[in-house]
C-alpha atoms as a PDB file:
ATOM      1  CA  UNK A   1       5.343  -1.987 -10.361  1.00  0.00           C
ATOM      2  CA  UNK A   2       5.075  -3.368  -6.844  1.00  0.00           C
ATOM      3  CA  UNK A   3       1.937  -5.457  -6.464  1.00  0.00           C
ATOM      4  CA  UNK A   4       0.345  -6.177  -3.128  1.00  0.00           C
ATOM      5  CA  UNK A   5      -3.207  -6.771  -2.053  1.00  0.00           C
ATOM      6  CA  UNK A   6      -4.991  -3.509  -2.690  1.00  0.00           C
ATOM      7  CA  UNK A   7      -7.245  -2.275   0.096  1.00  0.00           C
ATOM      8  CA  UNK A   8     -10.876  -3.153  -0.426  1.00  0.00           C
ATOM      9  CA  UNK A   9     -12.546  -0.040   0.903  1.00  0.00           C
ATOM     10  CA  UNK A  10     -15.975  -1.633   0.604  1.00  0.00           C
ATOM     11  CA  UNK A  11     -15.159  -4.620   2.842  1.00  0.00           C
ATOM     12  CA  UNK A  12     -15.976  -3.238   6.296  1.00  0.00           C
ATOM     13  CA  UNK A  13     -16.231   0.244   7.781  1.00  0.00           C
ATOM     14  CA  UNK A  14     -13.378  -0.476  10.211  1.00  0.00           C
ATOM     15  CA  UNK A  15     -11.016  -1.559   7.432  1.00  0.00           C
ATOM     16  CA  UNK A  16     -12.003   1.418   5.294  1.00  0.00           C
ATOM     17  CA  UNK A  17     -11.339   3.738   8.244  1.00  0.00           C
ATOM     18  CA  UNK A  18      -7.930   2.120   8.810  1.00  0.00           C
ATOM     19  CA  UNK A  19      -6.878   2.703   5.193  1.00  0.00           C
ATOM     20  CA  UNK A  20      -8.155   6.284   5.120  1.00  0.00           C
ATOM     21  CA  UNK A  21      -6.246   7.116   8.310  1.00  0.00           C
ATOM     22  CA  UNK A  22      -3.107   5.339   7.061  1.00  0.00           C
ATOM     23  CA  UNK A  23      -3.061   7.185   3.737  1.00  0.00           C
ATOM     24  CA  UNK A  24      -3.973  10.522   5.316  1.00  0.00           C
ATOM     25  CA  UNK A  25      -1.090  10.212   7.762  1.00  0.00           C
ATOM     26  CA  UNK A  26       1.293   9.239   4.953  1.00  0.00           C
ATOM     27  CA  UNK A  27       0.253  12.221   2.829  1.00  0.00           C
ATOM     28  CA  UNK A  28       0.622  14.564   5.811  1.00  0.00           C
ATOM     29  CA  UNK A  29       4.132  13.265   6.557  1.00  0.00           C
ATOM     30  CA  UNK A  30       5.166  13.570   2.910  1.00  0.00           C
ATOM     31  CA  UNK A  31       3.747  17.087   2.654  1.00  0.00           C
ATOM     32  CA  UNK A  32       5.456  18.250   5.859  1.00  0.00           C
ATOM     33  CA  UNK A  33       8.684  16.431   4.886  1.00  0.00           C
ATOM     34  CA  UNK A  34       8.687  14.513   8.180  1.00  0.00           C
ATOM     35  CA  UNK A  35       8.355  11.008   6.714  1.00  0.00           C
ATOM     36  CA  UNK A  36      11.230   8.697   7.611  1.00  0.00           C
ATOM     37  CA  UNK A  37       9.769   5.749   5.693  1.00  0.00           C
ATOM     38  CA  UNK A  38       6.725   4.934   3.601  1.00  0.00           C
ATOM     39  CA  UNK A  39       5.267   1.567   2.664  1.00  0.00           C
ATOM     40  CA  UNK A  40       5.364   0.469  -0.963  1.00  0.00           C
ATOM     41  CA  UNK A  41       1.622  -0.149  -1.074  1.00  0.00           C
ATOM     42  CA  UNK A  42       1.010   3.445   0.045  1.00  0.00           C
ATOM     43  CA  UNK A  43       3.316   4.760  -2.703  1.00  0.00           C
ATOM     44  CA  UNK A  44       1.619   2.519  -5.264  1.00  0.00           C
ATOM     45  CA  UNK A  45      -1.861   3.633  -4.235  1.00  0.00           C
ATOM     46  CA  UNK A  46      -0.939   7.329  -4.214  1.00  0.00           C
ATOM     47  CA  UNK A  47       0.703   7.070  -7.645  1.00  0.00           C
ATOM     48  CA  UNK A  48      -2.335   5.277  -9.050  1.00  0.00           C
ATOM     49  CA  UNK A  49      -4.762   7.775  -7.558  1.00  0.00           C
ATOM     50  CA  UNK A  50      -2.767  10.830  -8.678  1.00  0.00           C
ATOM     51  CA  UNK A  51      -1.842   9.193 -12.002  1.00  0.00           C
ATOM     52  CA  UNK A  52       1.855   9.992 -11.602  1.00  0.00           C
ATOM     53  CA  UNK A  53       5.057   7.970 -11.519  1.00  0.00           C
ATOM     54  CA  UNK A  54       7.079   7.395  -8.364  1.00  0.00           C
ATOM     55  CA  UNK A  55       9.665   9.908  -9.606  1.00  0.00           C
ATOM     56  CA  UNK A  56       6.982  12.570  -9.868  1.00  0.00           C
ATOM     57  CA  UNK A  57       5.745  11.829  -6.356  1.00  0.00           C
ATOM     58  CA  UNK A  58       9.091  11.641  -4.546  1.00  0.00           C
ATOM     59  CA  UNK A  59      12.376  13.477  -4.868  1.00  0.00           C
ATOM     60  CA  UNK A  60      15.724  12.887  -3.219  1.00  0.00           C
ATOM     61  CA  UNK A  61      17.100  15.675  -1.049  1.00  0.00           C
ATOM     62  CA  UNK A  62      20.862  15.679  -0.728  1.00  0.00           C
ATOM     63  CA  UNK A  63      22.028  17.444   2.425  1.00  0.00           C
END
């Protein structure tokens, strides 16, 4: 799977806040189906946290 530097939430409060806000916004956009793009590290982190594959997290909508 895609490997990038994982966020170190224990590094500093500001960095931890940044990651929490980033992931919260990503989840909100995915839930509301308003996301136009999503970073690979966000997908990787969400899949790891939820213990699902990418295919279980995302689906393609054909208009």
